[in-house]
Amino acid sequence: ERYARGEPLGPLDGVPVAVKDELDQVPYPTHVGTAFLSARADHDACVVARLRAAGALLFGKAGMHEIGIGNTGLNPHFGTARNPYDLAHHTGGSSSGSGA
């Protein structure tokens, strides 16, 4: 209704965005793709706060290669992001969840 009235929150109003697991996003824990980190964020990272202010719909955290130090996206702790067109393949890259 607000958008129909010509009152968008910002340039990203309604655009769905998954935040990479290396960035703090309330109310989710930030694991950085590893099992030994699990602190629940008490504030948003600056870029996440800016996405919210621009109207983005933040719907969760995107998986990543453990601690971001790899280019395959394989993650033994939280699962490996799979190619949605062929589940026999993974998406690759440290931001593998974003690729899916």
N, C-alpha and C. Protein backbone atom coordinates (compact mmCIF):
# COMPACT_ATOMS: atom_id res chain seq x y z
N GLU A 1 0.83 -1.20 0.00
CA GLU A 1 0.00 0.00 0.00
C GLU A 1 0.87 1.26 0.00
N ARG A 2 1.89 1.24 0.84
CA ARG A 2 2.79 2.40 0.92
C ARG A 2 3.46 2.63 -0.42
N TYR A 3 3.91 1.56 -1.05
CA TYR A 3 4.59 1.68 -2.35
C TYR A 3 3.60 2.17 -3.41
N ALA A 4 2.37 1.69 -3.37
CA ALA A 4 1.34 2.12 -4.33
C ALA A 4 1.03 3.60 -4.17
N ARG A 5 1.20 4.12 -2.97
CA ARG A 5 0.97 5.55 -2.73
C ARG A 5 2.15 6.40 -3.20
N GLY A 6 3.18 5.75 -3.71
CA GLY A 6 4.35 6.49 -4.17
C GLY A 6 5.28 6.87 -3.03
N GLU A 7 5.29 6.06 -1.96
CA GLU A 7 6.12 6.33 -0.79
C GLU A 7 7.09 5.18 -0.52
N PRO A 8 7.97 4.87 -1.46
CA PRO A 8 8.92 3.78 -1.21
C PRO A 8 9.89 4.15 -0.09
N LEU A 9 10.41 3.12 0.59
CA LEU A 9 11.39 3.35 1.65
C LEU A 9 12.71 3.86 1.09
N GLY A 10 13.03 3.46 -0.13
CA GLY A 10 14.28 3.85 -0.75
C GLY A 10 14.44 3.15 -2.08
N PRO A 11 15.61 3.29 -2.70
CA PRO A 11 15.81 2.73 -4.04
C PRO A 11 15.80 1.21 -4.10
N LEU A 12 15.95 0.53 -2.97
CA LEU A 12 15.93 -0.93 -2.96
C LEU A 12 14.65 -1.48 -2.34
N ASP A 13 13.63 -0.65 -2.24
CA ASP A 13 12.38 -1.05 -1.59
C ASP A 13 11.82 -2.33 -2.20
N GLY A 14 11.74 -3.37 -1.37
CA GLY A 14 11.16 -4.62 -1.81
C GLY A 14 12.12 -5.59 -2.49
N VAL A 15 13.37 -5.20 -2.68
CA VAL A 15 14.34 -6.09 -3.33
C VAL A 15 14.86 -7.10 -2.30
N PRO A 16 14.68 -8.41 -2.56
CA PRO A 16 15.16 -9.41 -1.60
C PRO A 16 16.68 -9.54 -1.63
N VAL A 17 17.29 -9.59 -0.45
CA VAL A 17 18.75 -9.69 -0.33
C VAL A 17 19.09 -10.68 0.78
N ALA A 18 20.02 -11.60 0.48
CA ALA A 18 20.59 -12.47 1.50
C ALA A 18 21.97 -11.92 1.83
N VAL A 19 22.26 -11.78 3.09
CA VAL A 19 23.52 -11.20 3.55
C VAL A 19 24.55 -12.31 3.76
N LYS A 20 25.77 -12.11 3.25
CA LYS A 20 26.83 -13.10 3.43
C LYS A 20 27.10 -13.29 4.92
N ASP A 21 27.36 -14.53 5.30
CA ASP A 21 27.51 -14.90 6.71
C ASP A 21 28.71 -14.25 7.40
N GLU A 22 29.49 -13.45 6.72
CA GLU A 22 30.61 -12.76 7.38
C GLU A 22 30.19 -11.40 7.92
N LEU A 23 28.96 -10.97 7.62
CA LEU A 23 28.47 -9.66 8.06
C LEU A 23 27.45 -9.82 9.18
N ASP A 24 27.55 -8.99 10.21
CA ASP A 24 26.57 -9.02 11.30
C ASP A 24 25.23 -8.53 10.80
N GLN A 25 24.19 -9.30 11.14
CA GLN A 25 22.82 -8.95 10.78
C GLN A 25 21.90 -9.40 11.91
N VAL A 26 21.27 -8.45 12.57
CA VAL A 26 20.32 -8.76 13.63
C VAL A 26 19.12 -9.46 13.00
N PRO A 27 18.63 -10.54 13.53
CA PRO A 27 18.92 -11.22 14.78
C PRO A 27 19.76 -12.50 14.60
N TYR A 28 20.44 -12.63 13.48
CA TYR A 28 21.13 -13.89 13.16
C TYR A 28 22.52 -13.98 13.77
N PRO A 29 22.99 -15.21 14.02
CA PRO A 29 24.39 -15.38 14.43
C PRO A 29 25.30 -15.20 13.22
N THR A 30 26.51 -14.78 13.47
CA THR A 30 27.51 -14.65 12.42
C THR A 30 28.53 -15.77 12.62
N HIS A 31 28.51 -16.73 11.71
CA HIS A 31 29.38 -17.90 11.82
C HIS A 31 30.65 -17.76 10.99
N VAL A 32 30.63 -16.92 9.97
CA VAL A 32 31.73 -16.80 9.00
C VAL A 32 32.03 -18.19 8.42
N GLY A 33 31.00 -19.00 8.30
CA GLY A 33 31.14 -20.31 7.69
C GLY A 33 31.87 -21.34 8.52
N THR A 34 32.10 -21.06 9.81
CA THR A 34 32.83 -22.01 10.64
C THR A 34 32.01 -22.39 11.88
N ALA A 35 32.32 -23.53 12.45
CA ALA A 35 31.56 -24.02 13.60
C ALA A 35 31.96 -23.36 14.91
N PHE A 36 33.14 -22.77 15.00
CA PHE A 36 33.58 -22.24 16.29
C PHE A 36 33.17 -20.79 16.54
N LEU A 37 32.50 -20.16 15.59
CA LEU A 37 31.95 -18.81 15.80
C LEU A 37 30.43 -18.91 15.73
N SER A 38 29.76 -18.27 16.65
CA SER A 38 28.30 -18.32 16.63
C SER A 38 27.65 -17.17 17.37
N ALA A 39 28.37 -16.06 17.52
CA ALA A 39 27.81 -14.93 18.26
C ALA A 39 26.61 -14.34 17.52
N ARG A 40 25.53 -14.16 18.25
CA ARG A 40 24.34 -13.54 17.67
C ARG A 40 24.60 -12.04 17.59
N ALA A 41 24.34 -11.47 16.43
CA ALA A 41 24.61 -10.05 16.21
C ALA A 41 23.72 -9.18 17.10
N ASP A 42 24.32 -8.18 17.74
CA ASP A 42 23.54 -7.23 18.53
C ASP A 42 23.35 -5.92 17.79
N HIS A 43 23.97 -5.82 16.61
CA HIS A 43 23.76 -4.66 15.74
C HIS A 43 24.08 -5.09 14.31
N ASP A 44 23.56 -4.34 13.36
CA ASP A 44 23.83 -4.61 11.95
C ASP A 44 25.17 -4.03 11.54
N ALA A 45 25.89 -4.74 10.67
CA ALA A 45 27.08 -4.16 10.04
C ALA A 45 26.64 -2.93 9.25
N CYS A 46 27.54 -2.01 9.03
CA CYS A 46 27.20 -0.75 8.34
C CYS A 46 26.50 -1.00 7.00
N VAL A 47 27.02 -1.91 6.19
CA VAL A 47 26.41 -2.17 4.89
C VAL A 47 25.01 -2.76 5.04
N VAL A 48 24.80 -3.58 6.06
CA VAL A 48 23.49 -4.17 6.31
C VAL A 48 22.51 -3.07 6.74
N ALA A 49 22.95 -2.18 7.60
CA ALA A 49 22.10 -1.06 8.02
C ALA A 49 21.71 -0.20 6.83
N ARG A 50 22.64 0.01 5.92
CA ARG A 50 22.35 0.81 4.73
C ARG A 50 21.37 0.10 3.80
N LEU A 51 21.51 -1.22 3.68
CA LEU A 51 20.54 -1.98 2.88
C LEU A 51 19.14 -1.86 3.47
N ARG A 52 19.04 -1.99 4.79
CA ARG A 52 17.73 -1.85 5.46
C ARG A 52 17.15 -0.46 5.21
N ALA A 53 17.99 0.56 5.37
CA ALA A 53 17.52 1.94 5.19
C ALA A 53 17.05 2.20 3.76
N ALA A 54 17.64 1.49 2.80
CA ALA A 54 17.27 1.65 1.39
C ALA A 54 16.03 0.84 1.04
N GLY A 55 15.50 0.07 2.01
CA GLY A 55 14.26 -0.66 1.79
C GLY A 55 14.42 -2.11 1.38
N ALA A 56 15.65 -2.63 1.36
CA ALA A 56 15.87 -4.02 0.97
C ALA A 56 15.17 -4.97 1.95
N LEU A 57 14.69 -6.09 1.43
CA LEU A 57 14.08 -7.12 2.26
C LEU A 57 15.16 -8.15 2.60
N LEU A 58 15.69 -8.07 3.79
CA LEU A 58 16.75 -8.97 4.21
C LEU A 58 16.11 -10.25 4.73
N PHE A 59 16.36 -11.37 4.05
CA PHE A 59 15.64 -12.59 4.39
C PHE A 59 16.50 -13.68 4.99
N GLY A 60 17.75 -13.41 5.30
CA GLY A 60 18.57 -14.43 5.94
C GLY A 60 20.04 -14.26 5.63
N LYS A 61 20.79 -15.29 5.96
CA LYS A 61 22.24 -15.28 5.75
C LYS A 61 22.58 -16.25 4.62
N ALA A 62 23.56 -15.86 3.80
CA ALA A 62 24.02 -16.71 2.70
C ALA A 62 25.27 -17.46 3.14
N GLY A 63 25.33 -18.73 2.81
CA GLY A 63 26.47 -19.56 3.16
C GLY A 63 27.74 -19.10 2.47
N MET A 64 28.85 -19.57 3.02
CA MET A 64 30.15 -19.19 2.46
C MET A 64 31.19 -20.26 2.76
N HIS A 65 32.30 -20.18 2.07
CA HIS A 65 33.43 -21.07 2.34
C HIS A 65 33.92 -20.75 3.75
N GLU A 66 34.36 -21.77 4.47
CA GLU A 66 34.78 -21.55 5.86
C GLU A 66 35.80 -20.43 5.97
N ILE A 67 35.46 -19.43 6.76
CA ILE A 67 36.25 -18.23 7.03
C ILE A 67 36.61 -17.48 5.73
N GLY A 68 35.98 -17.82 4.63
CA GLY A 68 36.21 -17.12 3.37
C GLY A 68 37.56 -17.41 2.74
N ILE A 69 38.26 -18.44 3.21
CA ILE A 69 39.59 -18.70 2.67
C ILE A 69 39.57 -19.92 1.75
N GLY A 70 38.85 -19.78 0.68
CA GLY A 70 38.77 -20.83 -0.31
C GLY A 70 37.93 -20.36 -1.48
N ASN A 71 38.01 -21.07 -2.57
CA ASN A 71 37.26 -20.65 -3.75
C ASN A 71 36.29 -21.71 -4.24
N THR A 72 36.05 -22.73 -3.42
CA THR A 72 35.12 -23.78 -3.85
C THR A 72 33.74 -23.63 -3.24
N GLY A 73 33.65 -23.03 -2.06
CA GLY A 73 32.38 -22.92 -1.36
C GLY A 73 32.01 -24.17 -0.58
N LEU A 74 32.89 -25.16 -0.58
CA LEU A 74 32.61 -26.39 0.18
C LEU A 74 32.63 -26.07 1.67
N ASN A 75 31.59 -26.49 2.39
CA ASN A 75 31.51 -26.19 3.81
C ASN A 75 31.05 -27.42 4.59
N PRO A 76 31.96 -28.04 5.36
CA PRO A 76 31.60 -29.25 6.10
C PRO A 76 30.70 -28.98 7.30
N HIS A 77 30.59 -27.74 7.74
CA HIS A 77 29.83 -27.42 8.95
C HIS A 77 28.36 -27.10 8.67
N PHE A 78 28.09 -26.39 7.59
CA PHE A 78 26.72 -25.94 7.31
C PHE A 78 26.20 -26.44 5.97
N GLY A 79 26.98 -27.25 5.30
CA GLY A 79 26.56 -27.76 4.00
C GLY A 79 27.09 -26.90 2.87
N THR A 80 27.20 -27.50 1.74
CA THR A 80 27.72 -26.83 0.55
C THR A 80 26.56 -26.35 -0.30
N ALA A 81 26.62 -25.10 -0.72
CA ALA A 81 25.58 -24.57 -1.61
C ALA A 81 25.65 -25.29 -2.95
N ARG A 82 24.53 -25.75 -3.42
CA ARG A 82 24.46 -26.49 -4.68
C ARG A 82 23.93 -25.61 -5.80
N ASN A 83 24.37 -25.94 -7.00
CA ASN A 83 23.88 -25.27 -8.20
C ASN A 83 22.39 -25.62 -8.34
N PRO A 84 21.49 -24.64 -8.35
CA PRO A 84 20.07 -24.96 -8.40
C PRO A 84 19.64 -25.64 -9.70
N TYR A 85 20.45 -25.55 -10.74
CA TYR A 85 20.12 -26.19 -12.01
C TYR A 85 20.66 -27.61 -12.11
N ASP A 86 21.65 -27.94 -11.31
CA ASP A 86 22.23 -29.28 -11.30
C ASP A 86 22.83 -29.53 -9.92
N LEU A 87 22.09 -30.22 -9.08
CA LEU A 87 22.49 -30.43 -7.69
C LEU A 87 23.75 -31.27 -7.53
N ALA A 88 24.23 -31.86 -8.61
CA ALA A 88 25.47 -32.62 -8.55
C ALA A 88 26.68 -31.68 -8.52
N HIS A 89 26.45 -30.40 -8.76
CA HIS A 89 27.53 -29.41 -8.79
C HIS A 89 27.32 -28.39 -7.68
N HIS A 90 28.41 -27.81 -7.21
CA HIS A 90 28.31 -26.73 -6.22
C HIS A 90 28.50 -25.39 -6.94
N THR A 91 28.20 -24.32 -6.24
CA THR A 91 28.24 -23.00 -6.87
C THR A 91 29.64 -22.43 -6.97
N GLY A 92 30.53 -22.83 -6.06
CA GLY A 92 31.90 -22.33 -6.08
C GLY A 92 32.01 -20.93 -5.50
N GLY A 93 33.22 -20.50 -5.25
CA GLY A 93 33.49 -19.17 -4.72
C GLY A 93 33.33 -19.10 -3.21
N SER A 94 33.97 -18.11 -2.60
CA SER A 94 33.84 -17.98 -1.15
C SER A 94 32.44 -17.53 -0.77
N SER A 95 31.73 -16.86 -1.69
CA SER A 95 30.34 -16.43 -1.47
C SER A 95 29.39 -17.43 -2.11
N SER A 96 29.60 -18.69 -1.86
CA SER A 96 28.85 -19.75 -2.54
C SER A 96 27.34 -19.67 -2.34
N GLY A 97 26.89 -19.26 -1.16
CA GLY A 97 25.45 -19.16 -0.91
C GLY A 97 24.80 -18.11 -1.78
N SER A 98 25.52 -17.05 -2.09
CA SER A 98 24.98 -16.00 -2.96
C SER A 98 24.80 -16.52 -4.38
N GLY A 99 25.67 -17.43 -4.79
CA GLY A 99 25.59 -17.99 -6.13
C GLY A 99 24.37 -18.88 -6.33
N ALA A 100 23.89 -19.46 -5.24
CA ALA A 100 22.73 -20.34 -5.34
C ALA A 100 21.47 -19.51 -5.45
